[in-house]
Amino acid sequence: TEPLDQEPVASTAMSADDSLWIRRA
């Protein structure tokens, strides 16, 4: 039901773009 490679939730101090960029990496 859930993939093993869950994307971590980034800190709210980052911009949404930065957060998404780091989560994808």
PDBML (XML) file of the C-alpha atoms, coordinates in Angstrom:
<?xml version="1.0" encoding="UTF-8" ?>
<PDBx:datablock datablockName="MODEL"
   xmlns:PDBx="http://pdbml.pdb.org/schema/pdbx-v50.xsd"
   xmlns:xsi="http://www.w3.org/2001/XMLSchema-instance"
   xsi:schemaLocation="http://pdbml.pdb.org/schema/pdbx-v50.xsd pdbx-v50.xsd">
   <PDBx:atom_siteCategory>
      <PDBx:atom_site id="1">
         <PDBx:B_iso_or_equiv>0.00</PDBx:B_iso_or_equiv>
         <PDBx:Cartn_x>0.000</PDBx:Cartn_x>
         <PDBx:Cartn_y>0.000</PDBx:Cartn_y>
         <PDBx:Cartn_z>0.000</PDBx:Cartn_z>
         <PDBx:auth_asym_id>A</PDBx:auth_asym_id>
         <PDBx:auth_atom_id>CA</PDBx:auth_atom_id>
         <PDBx:auth_comp_id>THR</PDBx:auth_comp_id>
         <PDBx:auth_seq_id>1</PDBx:auth_seq_id>
         <PDBx:group_PDB>ATOM</PDBx:group_PDB>
         <PDBx:label_alt_id xsi:nil="true" />
         <PDBx:label_asym_id>A</PDBx:label_asym_id>
         <PDBx:label_atom_id>CA</PDBx:label_atom_id>
         <PDBx:label_comp_id>THR</PDBx:label_comp_id>
         <PDBx:label_entity_id>1</PDBx:label_entity_id>
         <PDBx:label_seq_id>1</PDBx:label_seq_id>
         <PDBx:occupancy>1.00</PDBx:occupancy>
         <PDBx:pdbx_PDB_model_num>1</PDBx:pdbx_PDB_model_num>
         <PDBx:type_symbol>C</PDBx:type_symbol>
      </PDBx:atom_site>
      <PDBx:atom_site id="2">
         <PDBx:B_iso_or_equiv>0.00</PDBx:B_iso_or_equiv>
         <PDBx:Cartn_x>2.974</PDBx:Cartn_x>
         <PDBx:Cartn_y>2.263</PDBx:Cartn_y>
         <PDBx:Cartn_z>0.498</PDBx:Cartn_z>
         <PDBx:auth_asym_id>A</PDBx:auth_asym_id>
         <PDBx:auth_atom_id>CA</PDBx:auth_atom_id>
         <PDBx:auth_comp_id>GLU</PDBx:auth_comp_id>
         <PDBx:auth_seq_id>2</PDBx:auth_seq_id>
         <PDBx:group_PDB>ATOM</PDBx:group_PDB>
         <PDBx:label_alt_id xsi:nil="true" />
         <PDBx:label_asym_id>A</PDBx:label_asym_id>
         <PDBx:label_atom_id>CA</PDBx:label_atom_id>
         <PDBx:label_comp_id>GLU</PDBx:label_comp_id>
         <PDBx:label_entity_id>1</PDBx:label_entity_id>
         <PDBx:label_seq_id>2</PDBx:label_seq_id>
         <PDBx:occupancy>1.00</PDBx:occupancy>
         <PDBx:pdbx_PDB_model_num>1</PDBx:pdbx_PDB_model_num>
         <PDBx:type_symbol>C</PDBx:type_symbol>
      </PDBx:atom_site>
      <PDBx:atom_site id="3">
         <PDBx:B_iso_or_equiv>0.00</PDBx:B_iso_or_equiv>
         <PDBx:Cartn_x>6.270</PDBx:Cartn_x>
         <PDBx:Cartn_y>2.364</PDBx:Cartn_y>
         <PDBx:Cartn_z>-1.418</PDBx:Cartn_z>
         <PDBx:auth_asym_id>A</PDBx:auth_asym_id>
         <PDBx:auth_atom_id>CA</PDBx:auth_atom_id>
         <PDBx:auth_comp_id>PRO</PDBx:auth_comp_id>
         <PDBx:auth_seq_id>3</PDBx:auth_seq_id>
         <PDBx:group_PDB>ATOM</PDBx:group_PDB>
         <PDBx:label_alt_id xsi:nil="true" />
         <PDBx:label_asym_id>A</PDBx:label_asym_id>
         <PDBx:label_atom_id>CA</PDBx:label_atom_id>
         <PDBx:label_comp_id>PRO</PDBx:label_comp_id>
         <PDBx:label_entity_id>1</PDBx:label_entity_id>
         <PDBx:label_seq_id>3</PDBx:label_seq_id>
         <PDBx:occupancy>1.00</PDBx:occupancy>
         <PDBx:pdbx_PDB_model_num>1</PDBx:pdbx_PDB_model_num>
         <PDBx:type_symbol>C</PDBx:type_symbol>
      </PDBx:atom_site>
      <PDBx:atom_site id="4">
         <PDBx:B_iso_or_equiv>0.00</PDBx:B_iso_or_equiv>
         <PDBx:Cartn_x>9.419</PDBx:Cartn_x>
         <PDBx:Cartn_y>1.724</PDBx:Cartn_y>
         <PDBx:Cartn_z>0.593</PDBx:Cartn_z>
         <PDBx:auth_asym_id>A</PDBx:auth_asym_id>
         <PDBx:auth_atom_id>CA</PDBx:auth_atom_id>
         <PDBx:auth_comp_id>LEU</PDBx:auth_comp_id>
         <PDBx:auth_seq_id>4</PDBx:auth_seq_id>
         <PDBx:group_PDB>ATOM</PDBx:group_PDB>
         <PDBx:label_alt_id xsi:nil="true" />
         <PDBx:label_asym_id>A</PDBx:label_asym_id>
         <PDBx:label_atom_id>CA</PDBx:label_atom_id>
         <PDBx:label_comp_id>LEU</PDBx:label_comp_id>
         <PDBx:label_entity_id>1</PDBx:label_entity_id>
         <PDBx:label_seq_id>4</PDBx:label_seq_id>
         <PDBx:occupancy>1.00</PDBx:occupancy>
         <PDBx:pdbx_PDB_model_num>1</PDBx:pdbx_PDB_model_num>
         <PDBx:type_symbol>C</PDBx:type_symbol>
      </PDBx:atom_site>
      <PDBx:atom_site id="5">
         <PDBx:B_iso_or_equiv>0.00</PDBx:B_iso_or_equiv>
         <PDBx:Cartn_x>11.111</PDBx:Cartn_x>
         <PDBx:Cartn_y>4.813</PDBx:Cartn_y>
         <PDBx:Cartn_z>-0.726</PDBx:Cartn_z>
         <PDBx:auth_asym_id>A</PDBx:auth_asym_id>
         <PDBx:auth_atom_id>CA</PDBx:auth_atom_id>
         <PDBx:auth_comp_id>ASP</PDBx:auth_comp_id>
         <PDBx:auth_seq_id>5</PDBx:auth_seq_id>
         <PDBx:group_PDB>ATOM</PDBx:group_PDB>
         <PDBx:label_alt_id xsi:nil="true" />
         <PDBx:label_asym_id>A</PDBx:label_asym_id>
         <PDBx:label_atom_id>CA</PDBx:label_atom_id>
         <PDBx:label_comp_id>ASP</PDBx:label_comp_id>
         <PDBx:label_entity_id>1</PDBx:label_entity_id>
         <PDBx:label_seq_id>5</PDBx:label_seq_id>
         <PDBx:occupancy>1.00</PDBx:occupancy>
         <PDBx:pdbx_PDB_model_num>1</PDBx:pdbx_PDB_model_num>
         <PDBx:type_symbol>C</PDBx:type_symbol>
      </PDBx:atom_site>
      <PDBx:atom_site id="6">
         <PDBx:B_iso_or_equiv>0.00</PDBx:B_iso_or_equiv>
         <PDBx:Cartn_x>8.926</PDBx:Cartn_x>
         <PDBx:Cartn_y>7.372</PDBx:Cartn_y>
         <PDBx:Cartn_z>0.987</PDBx:Cartn_z>
         <PDBx:auth_asym_id>A</PDBx:auth_asym_id>
         <PDBx:auth_atom_id>CA</PDBx:auth_atom_id>
         <PDBx:auth_comp_id>GLN</PDBx:auth_comp_id>
         <PDBx:auth_seq_id>6</PDBx:auth_seq_id>
         <PDBx:group_PDB>ATOM</PDBx:group_PDB>
         <PDBx:label_alt_id xsi:nil="true" />
         <PDBx:label_asym_id>A</PDBx:label_asym_id>
         <PDBx:label_atom_id>CA</PDBx:label_atom_id>
         <PDBx:label_comp_id>GLN</PDBx:label_comp_id>
         <PDBx:label_entity_id>1</PDBx:label_entity_id>
         <PDBx:label_seq_id>6</PDBx:label_seq_id>
         <PDBx:occupancy>1.00</PDBx:occupancy>
         <PDBx:pdbx_PDB_model_num>1</PDBx:pdbx_PDB_model_num>
         <PDBx:type_symbol>C</PDBx:type_symbol>
      </PDBx:atom_site>
      <PDBx:atom_site id="7">
         <PDBx:B_iso_or_equiv>0.00</PDBx:B_iso_or_equiv>
         <PDBx:Cartn_x>10.082</PDBx:Cartn_x>
         <PDBx:Cartn_y>10.917</PDBx:Cartn_y>
         <PDBx:Cartn_z>0.420</PDBx:Cartn_z>
         <PDBx:auth_asym_id>A</PDBx:auth_asym_id>
         <PDBx:auth_atom_id>CA</PDBx:auth_atom_id>
         <PDBx:auth_comp_id>GLU</PDBx:auth_comp_id>
         <PDBx:auth_seq_id>7</PDBx:auth_seq_id>
         <PDBx:group_PDB>ATOM</PDBx:group_PDB>
         <PDBx:label_alt_id xsi:nil="true" />
         <PDBx:label_asym_id>A</PDBx:label_asym_id>
         <PDBx:label_atom_id>CA</PDBx:label_atom_id>
         <PDBx:label_comp_id>GLU</PDBx:label_comp_id>
         <PDBx:label_entity_id>1</PDBx:label_entity_id>
         <PDBx:label_seq_id>7</PDBx:label_seq_id>
         <PDBx:occupancy>1.00</PDBx:occupancy>
         <PDBx:pdbx_PDB_model_num>1</PDBx:pdbx_PDB_model_num>
         <PDBx:type_symbol>C</PDBx:type_symbol>
      </PDBx:atom_site>
      <PDBx:atom_site id="8">
         <PDBx:B_iso_or_equiv>0.00</PDBx:B_iso_or_equiv>
         <PDBx:Cartn_x>11.095</PDBx:Cartn_x>
         <PDBx:Cartn_y>12.584</PDBx:Cartn_y>
         <PDBx:Cartn_z>3.665</PDBx:Cartn_z>
         <PDBx:auth_asym_id>A</PDBx:auth_asym_id>
         <PDBx:auth_atom_id>CA</PDBx:auth_atom_id>
         <PDBx:auth_comp_id>PRO</PDBx:auth_comp_id>
         <PDBx:auth_seq_id>8</PDBx:auth_seq_id>
         <PDBx:group_PDB>ATOM</PDBx:group_PDB>
         <PDBx:label_alt_id xsi:nil="true" />
         <PDBx:label_asym_id>A</PDBx:label_asym_id>
         <PDBx:label_atom_id>CA</PDBx:label_atom_id>
         <PDBx:label_comp_id>PRO</PDBx:label_comp_id>
         <PDBx:label_entity_id>1</PDBx:label_entity_id>
         <PDBx:label_seq_id>8</PDBx:label_seq_id>
         <PDBx:occupancy>1.00</PDBx:occupancy>
         <PDBx:pdbx_PDB_model_num>1</PDBx:pdbx_PDB_model_num>
         <PDBx:type_symbol>C</PDBx:type_symbol>
      </PDBx:atom_site>
      <PDBx:atom_site id="9">
         <PDBx:B_iso_or_equiv>0.00</PDBx:B_iso_or_equiv>
         <PDBx:Cartn_x>9.194</PDBx:Cartn_x>
         <PDBx:Cartn_y>15.667</PDBx:Cartn_y>
         <PDBx:Cartn_z>4.661</PDBx:Cartn_z>
         <PDBx:auth_asym_id>A</PDBx:auth_asym_id>
         <PDBx:auth_atom_id>CA</PDBx:auth_atom_id>
         <PDBx:auth_comp_id>VAL</PDBx:auth_comp_id>
         <PDBx:auth_seq_id>9</PDBx:auth_seq_id>
         <PDBx:group_PDB>ATOM</PDBx:group_PDB>
         <PDBx:label_alt_id xsi:nil="true" />
         <PDBx:label_asym_id>A</PDBx:label_asym_id>
         <PDBx:label_atom_id>CA</PDBx:label_atom_id>
         <PDBx:label_comp_id>VAL</PDBx:label_comp_id>
         <PDBx:label_entity_id>1</PDBx:label_entity_id>
         <PDBx:label_seq_id>9</PDBx:label_seq_id>
         <PDBx:occupancy>1.00</PDBx:occupancy>
         <PDBx:pdbx_PDB_model_num>1</PDBx:pdbx_PDB_model_num>
         <PDBx:type_symbol>C</PDBx:type_symbol>
      </PDBx:atom_site>
      <PDBx:atom_site id="10">
         <PDBx:B_iso_or_equiv>0.00</PDBx:B_iso_or_equiv>
         <PDBx:Cartn_x>11.534</PDBx:Cartn_x>
         <PDBx:Cartn_y>18.620</PDBx:Cartn_y>
         <PDBx:Cartn_z>4.523</PDBx:Cartn_z>
         <PDBx:auth_asym_id>A</PDBx:auth_asym_id>
         <PDBx:auth_atom_id>CA</PDBx:auth_atom_id>
         <PDBx:auth_comp_id>ALA</PDBx:auth_comp_id>
         <PDBx:auth_seq_id>10</PDBx:auth_seq_id>
         <PDBx:group_PDB>ATOM</PDBx:group_PDB>
         <PDBx:label_alt_id xsi:nil="true" />
         <PDBx:label_asym_id>A</PDBx:label_asym_id>
         <PDBx:label_atom_id>CA</PDBx:label_atom_id>
         <PDBx:label_comp_id>ALA</PDBx:label_comp_id>
         <PDBx:label_entity_id>1</PDBx:label_entity_id>
         <PDBx:label_seq_id>10</PDBx:label_seq_id>
         <PDBx:occupancy>1.00</PDBx:occupancy>
         <PDBx:pdbx_PDB_model_num>1</PDBx:pdbx_PDB_model_num>
         <PDBx:type_symbol>C</PDBx:type_symbol>
      </PDBx:atom_site>
      <PDBx:atom_site id="11">
         <PDBx:B_iso_or_equiv>0.00</PDBx:B_iso_or_equiv>
         <PDBx:Cartn_x>11.797</PDBx:Cartn_x>
         <PDBx:Cartn_y>21.380</PDBx:Cartn_y>
         <PDBx:Cartn_z>7.075</PDBx:Cartn_z>
         <PDBx:auth_asym_id>A</PDBx:auth_asym_id>
         <PDBx:auth_atom_id>CA</PDBx:auth_atom_id>
         <PDBx:auth_comp_id>SER</PDBx:auth_comp_id>
         <PDBx:auth_seq_id>11</PDBx:auth_seq_id>
         <PDBx:group_PDB>ATOM</PDBx:group_PDB>
         <PDBx:label_alt_id xsi:nil="true" />
         <PDBx:label_asym_id>A</PDBx:label_asym_id>
         <PDBx:label_atom_id>CA</PDBx:label_atom_id>
         <PDBx:label_comp_id>SER</PDBx:label_comp_id>
         <PDBx:label_entity_id>1</PDBx:label_entity_id>
         <PDBx:label_seq_id>11</PDBx:label_seq_id>
         <PDBx:occupancy>1.00</PDBx:occupancy>
         <PDBx:pdbx_PDB_model_num>1</PDBx:pdbx_PDB_model_num>
         <PDBx:type_symbol>C</PDBx:type_symbol>
      </PDBx:atom_site>
      <PDBx:atom_site id="12">
         <PDBx:B_iso_or_equiv>0.00</PDBx:B_iso_or_equiv>
         <PDBx:Cartn_x>9.199</PDBx:Cartn_x>
         <PDBx:Cartn_y>24.136</PDBx:Cartn_y>
         <PDBx:Cartn_z>6.772</PDBx:Cartn_z>
         <PDBx:auth_asym_id>A</PDBx:auth_asym_id>
         <PDBx:auth_atom_id>CA</PDBx:auth_atom_id>
         <PDBx:auth_comp_id>THR</PDBx:auth_comp_id>
         <PDBx:auth_seq_id>12</PDBx:auth_seq_id>
         <PDBx:group_PDB>ATOM</PDBx:group_PDB>
         <PDBx:label_alt_id xsi:nil="true" />
         <PDBx:label_asym_id>A</PDBx:label_asym_id>
         <PDBx:label_atom_id>CA</PDBx:label_atom_id>
         <PDBx:label_comp_id>THR</PDBx:label_comp_id>
         <PDBx:label_entity_id>1</PDBx:label_entity_id>
         <PDBx:label_seq_id>12</PDBx:label_seq_id>
         <PDBx:occupancy>1.00</PDBx:occupancy>
         <PDBx:pdbx_PDB_model_num>1</PDBx:pdbx_PDB_model_num>
         <PDBx:type_symbol>C</PDBx:type_symbol>
      </PDBx:atom_site>
      <PDBx:atom_site id="13">
         <PDBx:B_iso_or_equiv>0.00</PDBx:B_iso_or_equiv>
         <PDBx:Cartn_x>12.006</PDBx:Cartn_x>
         <PDBx:Cartn_y>26.728</PDBx:Cartn_y>
         <PDBx:Cartn_z>6.821</PDBx:Cartn_z>
         <PDBx:auth_asym_id>A</PDBx:auth_asym_id>
         <PDBx:auth_atom_id>CA</PDBx:auth_atom_id>
         <PDBx:auth_comp_id>ALA</PDBx:auth_comp_id>
         <PDBx:auth_seq_id>13</PDBx:auth_seq_id>
         <PDBx:group_PDB>ATOM</PDBx:group_PDB>
         <PDBx:label_alt_id xsi:nil="true" />
         <PDBx:label_asym_id>A</PDBx:label_asym_id>
         <PDBx:label_atom_id>CA</PDBx:label_atom_id>
         <PDBx:label_comp_id>ALA</PDBx:label_comp_id>
         <PDBx:label_entity_id>1</PDBx:label_entity_id>
         <PDBx:label_seq_id>13</PDBx:label_seq_id>
         <PDBx:occupancy>1.00</PDBx:occupancy>
         <PDBx:pdbx_PDB_model_num>1</PDBx:pdbx_PDB_model_num>
         <PDBx:type_symbol>C</PDBx:type_symbol>
      </PDBx:atom_site>
      <PDBx:atom_site id="14">
         <PDBx:B_iso_or_equiv>0.00</PDBx:B_iso_or_equiv>
         <PDBx:Cartn_x>12.838</PDBx:Cartn_x>
         <PDBx:Cartn_y>25.941</PDBx:Cartn_y>
         <PDBx:Cartn_z>3.177</PDBx:Cartn_z>
         <PDBx:auth_asym_id>A</PDBx:auth_asym_id>
         <PDBx:auth_atom_id>CA</PDBx:auth_atom_id>
         <PDBx:auth_comp_id>MET</PDBx:auth_comp_id>
         <PDBx:auth_seq_id>14</PDBx:auth_seq_id>
         <PDBx:group_PDB>ATOM</PDBx:group_PDB>
         <PDBx:label_alt_id xsi:nil="true" />
         <PDBx:label_asym_id>A</PDBx:label_asym_id>
         <PDBx:label_atom_id>CA</PDBx:label_atom_id>
         <PDBx:label_comp_id>MET</PDBx:label_comp_id>
         <PDBx:label_entity_id>1</PDBx:label_entity_id>
         <PDBx:label_seq_id>14</PDBx:label_seq_id>
         <PDBx:occupancy>1.00</PDBx:occupancy>
         <PDBx:pdbx_PDB_model_num>1</PDBx:pdbx_PDB_model_num>
         <PDBx:type_symbol>C</PDBx:type_symbol>
      </PDBx:atom_site>
      <PDBx:atom_site id="15">
         <PDBx:B_iso_or_equiv>0.00</PDBx:B_iso_or_equiv>
         <PDBx:Cartn_x>11.012</PDBx:Cartn_x>
         <PDBx:Cartn_y>27.281</PDBx:Cartn_y>
         <PDBx:Cartn_z>0.186</PDBx:Cartn_z>
         <PDBx:auth_asym_id>A</PDBx:auth_asym_id>
         <PDBx:auth_atom_id>CA</PDBx:auth_atom_id>
         <PDBx:auth_comp_id>SER</PDBx:auth_comp_id>
         <PDBx:auth_seq_id>15</PDBx:auth_seq_id>
         <PDBx:group_PDB>ATOM</PDBx:group_PDB>
         <PDBx:label_alt_id xsi:nil="true" />
         <PDBx:label_asym_id>A</PDBx:label_asym_id>
         <PDBx:label_atom_id>CA</PDBx:label_atom_id>
         <PDBx:label_comp_id>SER</PDBx:label_comp_id>
         <PDBx:label_entity_id>1</PDBx:label_entity_id>
         <PDBx:label_seq_id>15</PDBx:label_seq_id>
         <PDBx:occupancy>1.00</PDBx:occupancy>
         <PDBx:pdbx_PDB_model_num>1</PDBx:pdbx_PDB_model_num>
         <PDBx:type_symbol>C</PDBx:type_symbol>
      </PDBx:atom_site>
      <PDBx:atom_site id="16">
         <PDBx:B_iso_or_equiv>0.00</PDBx:B_iso_or_equiv>
         <PDBx:Cartn_x>8.672</PDBx:Cartn_x>
         <PDBx:Cartn_y>24.856</PDBx:Cartn_y>
         <PDBx:Cartn_z>-1.555</PDBx:Cartn_z>
         <PDBx:auth_asym_id>A</PDBx:auth_asym_id>
         <PDBx:auth_atom_id>CA</PDBx:auth_atom_id>
         <PDBx:auth_comp_id>ALA</PDBx:auth_comp_id>
         <PDBx:auth_seq_id>16</PDBx:auth_seq_id>
         <PDBx:group_PDB>ATOM</PDBx:group_PDB>
         <PDBx:label_alt_id xsi:nil="true" />
         <PDBx:label_asym_id>A</PDBx:label_asym_id>
         <PDBx:label_atom_id>CA</PDBx:label_atom_id>
         <PDBx:label_comp_id>ALA</PDBx:label_comp_id>
         <PDBx:label_entity_id>1</PDBx:label_entity_id>
         <PDBx:label_seq_id>16</PDBx:label_seq_id>
         <PDBx:occupancy>1.00</PDBx:occupancy>
         <PDBx:pdbx_PDB_model_num>1</PDBx:pdbx_PDB_model_num>
         <PDBx:type_symbol>C</PDBx:type_symbol>
      </PDBx:atom_site>
      <PDBx:atom_site id="17">
         <PDBx:B_iso_or_equiv>0.00</PDBx:B_iso_or_equiv>
         <PDBx:Cartn_x>11.007</PDBx:Cartn_x>
         <PDBx:Cartn_y>24.682</PDBx:Cartn_y>
         <PDBx:Cartn_z>-4.573</PDBx:Cartn_z>
         <PDBx:auth_asym_id>A</PDBx:auth_asym_id>
         <PDBx:auth_atom_id>CA</PDBx:auth_atom_id>
         <PDBx:auth_comp_id>ASP</PDBx:auth_comp_id>
         <PDBx:auth_seq_id>17</PDBx:auth_seq_id>
         <PDBx:group_PDB>ATOM</PDBx:group_PDB>
         <PDBx:label_alt_id xsi:nil="true" />
         <PDBx:label_asym_id>A</PDBx:label_asym_id>
         <PDBx:label_atom_id>CA</PDBx:label_atom_id>
         <PDBx:label_comp_id>ASP</PDBx:label_comp_id>
         <PDBx:label_entity_id>1</PDBx:label_entity_id>
         <PDBx:label_seq_id>17</PDBx:label_seq_id>
         <PDBx:occupancy>1.00</PDBx:occupancy>
         <PDBx:pdbx_PDB_model_num>1</PDBx:pdbx_PDB_model_num>
         <PDBx:type_symbol>C</PDBx:type_symbol>
      </PDBx:atom_site>
      <PDBx:atom_site id="18">
         <PDBx:B_iso_or_equiv>0.00</PDBx:B_iso_or_equiv>
         <PDBx:Cartn_x>14.048</PDBx:Cartn_x>
         <PDBx:Cartn_y>23.893</PDBx:Cartn_y>
         <PDBx:Cartn_z>-2.432</PDBx:Cartn_z>
         <PDBx:auth_asym_id>A</PDBx:auth_asym_id>
         <PDBx:auth_atom_id>CA</PDBx:auth_atom_id>
         <PDBx:auth_comp_id>ASP</PDBx:auth_comp_id>
         <PDBx:auth_seq_id>18</PDBx:auth_seq_id>
         <PDBx:group_PDB>ATOM</PDBx:group_PDB>
         <PDBx:label_alt_id xsi:nil="true" />
         <PDBx:label_asym_id>A</PDBx:label_asym_id>
         <PDBx:label_atom_id>CA</PDBx:label_atom_id>
         <PDBx:label_comp_id>ASP</PDBx:label_comp_id>
         <PDBx:label_entity_id>1</PDBx:label_entity_id>
         <PDBx:label_seq_id>18</PDBx:label_seq_id>
         <PDBx:occupancy>1.00</PDBx:occupancy>
         <PDBx:pdbx_PDB_model_num>1</PDBx:pdbx_PDB_model_num>
         <PDBx:type_symbol>C</PDBx:type_symbol>
      </PDBx:atom_site>
      <PDBx:atom_site id="19">
         <PDBx:B_iso_or_equiv>0.00</PDBx:B_iso_or_equiv>
         <PDBx:Cartn_x>12.104</PDBx:Cartn_x>
         <PDBx:Cartn_y>21.339</PDBx:Cartn_y>
         <PDBx:Cartn_z>-0.450</PDBx:Cartn_z>
         <PDBx:auth_asym_id>A</PDBx:auth_asym_id>
         <PDBx:auth_atom_id>CA</PDBx:auth_atom_id>
         <PDBx:auth_comp_id>SER</PDBx:auth_comp_id>
         <PDBx:auth_seq_id>19</PDBx:auth_seq_id>
         <PDBx:group_PDB>ATOM</PDBx:group_PDB>
         <PDBx:label_alt_id xsi:nil="true" />
         <PDBx:label_asym_id>A</PDBx:label_asym_id>
         <PDBx:label_atom_id>CA</PDBx:label_atom_id>
         <PDBx:label_comp_id>SER</PDBx:label_comp_id>
         <PDBx:label_entity_id>1</PDBx:label_entity_id>
         <PDBx:label_seq_id>19</PDBx:label_seq_id>
         <PDBx:occupancy>1.00</PDBx:occupancy>
         <PDBx:pdbx_PDB_model_num>1</PDBx:pdbx_PDB_model_num>
         <PDBx:type_symbol>C</PDBx:type_symbol>
      </PDBx:atom_site>
      <PDBx:atom_site id="20">
         <PDBx:B_iso_or_equiv>0.00</PDBx:B_iso_or_equiv>
         <PDBx:Cartn_x>10.890</PDBx:Cartn_x>
         <PDBx:Cartn_y>19.561</PDBx:Cartn_y>
         <PDBx:Cartn_z>-3.571</PDBx:Cartn_z>
         <PDBx:auth_asym_id>A</PDBx:auth_asym_id>
         <PDBx:auth_atom_id>CA</PDBx:auth_atom_id>
         <PDBx:auth_comp_id>LEU</PDBx:auth_comp_id>
         <PDBx:auth_seq_id>20</PDBx:auth_seq_id>
         <PDBx:group_PDB>ATOM</PDBx:group_PDB>
         <PDBx:label_alt_id xsi:nil="true" />
         <PDBx:label_asym_id>A</PDBx:label_asym_id>
         <PDBx:label_atom_id>CA</PDBx:label_atom_id>
         <PDBx:label_comp_id>LEU</PDBx:label_comp_id>
         <PDBx:label_entity_id>1</PDBx:label_entity_id>
         <PDBx:label_seq_id>20</PDBx:label_seq_id>
         <PDBx:occupancy>1.00</PDBx:occupancy>
         <PDBx:pdbx_PDB_model_num>1</PDBx:pdbx_PDB_model_num>
         <PDBx:type_symbol>C</PDBx:type_symbol>
      </PDBx:atom_site>
      <PDBx:atom_site id="21">
         <PDBx:B_iso_or_equiv>0.00</PDBx:B_iso_or_equiv>
         <PDBx:Cartn_x>14.355</PDBx:Cartn_x>
         <PDBx:Cartn_y>19.656</PDBx:Cartn_y>
         <PDBx:Cartn_z>-5.137</PDBx:Cartn_z>
         <PDBx:auth_asym_id>A</PDBx:auth_asym_id>
         <PDBx:auth_atom_id>CA</PDBx:auth_atom_id>
         <PDBx:auth_comp_id>TRP</PDBx:auth_comp_id>
         <PDBx:auth_seq_id>21</PDBx:auth_seq_id>
         <PDBx:group_PDB>ATOM</PDBx:group_PDB>
         <PDBx:label_alt_id xsi:nil="true" />
         <PDBx:label_asym_id>A</PDBx:label_asym_id>
         <PDBx:label_atom_id>CA</PDBx:label_atom_id>
         <PDBx:label_comp_id>TRP</PDBx:label_comp_id>
         <PDBx:label_entity_id>1</PDBx:label_entity_id>
         <PDBx:label_seq_id>21</PDBx:label_seq_id>
         <PDBx:occupancy>1.00</PDBx:occupancy>
         <PDBx:pdbx_PDB_model_num>1</PDBx:pdbx_PDB_model_num>
         <PDBx:type_symbol>C</PDBx:type_symbol>
      </PDBx:atom_site>
      <PDBx:atom_site id="22">
         <PDBx:B_iso_or_equiv>0.00</PDBx:B_iso_or_equiv>
         <PDBx:Cartn_x>15.954</PDBx:Cartn_x>
         <PDBx:Cartn_y>18.064</PDBx:Cartn_y>
         <PDBx:Cartn_z>-2.063</PDBx:Cartn_z>
         <PDBx:auth_asym_id>A</PDBx:auth_asym_id>
         <PDBx:auth_atom_id>CA</PDBx:auth_atom_id>
         <PDBx:auth_comp_id>ILE</PDBx:auth_comp_id>
         <PDBx:auth_seq_id>22</PDBx:auth_seq_id>
         <PDBx:group_PDB>ATOM</PDBx:group_PDB>
         <PDBx:label_alt_id xsi:nil="true" />
         <PDBx:label_asym_id>A</PDBx:label_asym_id>
         <PDBx:label_atom_id>CA</PDBx:label_atom_id>
         <PDBx:label_comp_id>ILE</PDBx:label_comp_id>
         <PDBx:label_entity_id>1</PDBx:label_entity_id>
         <PDBx:label_seq_id>22</PDBx:label_seq_id>
         <PDBx:occupancy>1.00</PDBx:occupancy>
         <PDBx:pdbx_PDB_model_num>1</PDBx:pdbx_PDB_model_num>
         <PDBx:type_symbol>C</PDBx:type_symbol>
      </PDBx:atom_site>
      <PDBx:atom_site id="23">
         <PDBx:B_iso_or_equiv>0.00</PDBx:B_iso_or_equiv>
         <PDBx:Cartn_x>13.144</PDBx:Cartn_x>
         <PDBx:Cartn_y>15.522</PDBx:Cartn_y>
         <PDBx:Cartn_z>-1.596</PDBx:Cartn_z>
         <PDBx:auth_asym_id>A</PDBx:auth_asym_id>
         <PDBx:auth_atom_id>CA</PDBx:auth_atom_id>
         <PDBx:auth_comp_id>ARG</PDBx:auth_comp_id>
         <PDBx:auth_seq_id>23</PDBx:auth_seq_id>
         <PDBx:group_PDB>ATOM</PDBx:group_PDB>
         <PDBx:label_alt_id xsi:nil="true" />
         <PDBx:label_asym_id>A</PDBx:label_asym_id>
         <PDBx:label_atom_id>CA</PDBx:label_atom_id>
         <PDBx:label_comp_id>ARG</PDBx:label_comp_id>
         <PDBx:label_entity_id>1</PDBx:label_entity_id>
         <PDBx:label_seq_id>23</PDBx:label_seq_id>
         <PDBx:occupancy>1.00</PDBx:occupancy>
         <PDBx:pdbx_PDB_model_num>1</PDBx:pdbx_PDB_model_num>
         <PDBx:type_symbol>C</PDBx:type_symbol>
      </PDBx:atom_site>
      <PDBx:atom_site id="24">
         <PDBx:B_iso_or_equiv>0.00</PDBx:B_iso_or_equiv>
         <PDBx:Cartn_x>13.538</PDBx:Cartn_x>
         <PDBx:Cartn_y>14.344</PDBx:Cartn_y>
         <PDBx:Cartn_z>-5.185</PDBx:Cartn_z>
         <PDBx:auth_asym_id>A</PDBx:auth_asym_id>
         <PDBx:auth_atom_id>CA</PDBx:auth_atom_id>
         <PDBx:auth_comp_id>ARG</PDBx:auth_comp_id>
         <PDBx:auth_seq_id>24</PDBx:auth_seq_id>
         <PDBx:group_PDB>ATOM</PDBx:group_PDB>
         <PDBx:label_alt_id xsi:nil="true" />
         <PDBx:label_asym_id>A</PDBx:label_asym_id>
         <PDBx:label_atom_id>CA</PDBx:label_atom_id>
         <PDBx:label_comp_id>ARG</PDBx:label_comp_id>
         <PDBx:label_entity_id>1</PDBx:label_entity_id>
         <PDBx:label_seq_id>24</PDBx:label_seq_id>
         <PDBx:occupancy>1.00</PDBx:occupancy>
         <PDBx:pdbx_PDB_model_num>1</PDBx:pdbx_PDB_model_num>
         <PDBx:type_symbol>C</PDBx:type_symbol>
      </PDBx:atom_site>
      <PDBx:atom_site id="25">
         <PDBx:B_iso_or_equiv>0.00</PDBx:B_iso_or_equiv>
         <PDBx:Cartn_x>17.292</PDBx:Cartn_x>
         <PDBx:Cartn_y>14.015</PDBx:Cartn_y>
         <PDBx:Cartn_z>-4.781</PDBx:Cartn_z>
         <PDBx:auth_asym_id>A</PDBx:auth_asym_id>
         <PDBx:auth_atom_id>CA</PDBx:auth_atom_id>
         <PDBx:auth_comp_id>ALA</PDBx:auth_comp_id>
         <PDBx:auth_seq_id>25</PDBx:auth_seq_id>
         <PDBx:group_PDB>ATOM</PDBx:group_PDB>
         <PDBx:label_alt_id xsi:nil="true" />
         <PDBx:label_asym_id>A</PDBx:label_asym_id>
         <PDBx:label_atom_id>CA</PDBx:label_atom_id>
         <PDBx:label_comp_id>ALA</PDBx:label_comp_id>
         <PDBx:label_entity_id>1</PDBx:label_entity_id>
         <PDBx:label_seq_id>25</PDBx:label_seq_id>
         <PDBx:occupancy>1.00</PDBx:occupancy>
         <PDBx:pdbx_PDB_model_num>1</PDBx:pdbx_PDB_model_num>
         <PDBx:type_symbol>C</PDBx:type_symbol>
      </PDBx:atom_site>
   </PDBx:atom_siteCategory>
</PDBx:datablock>
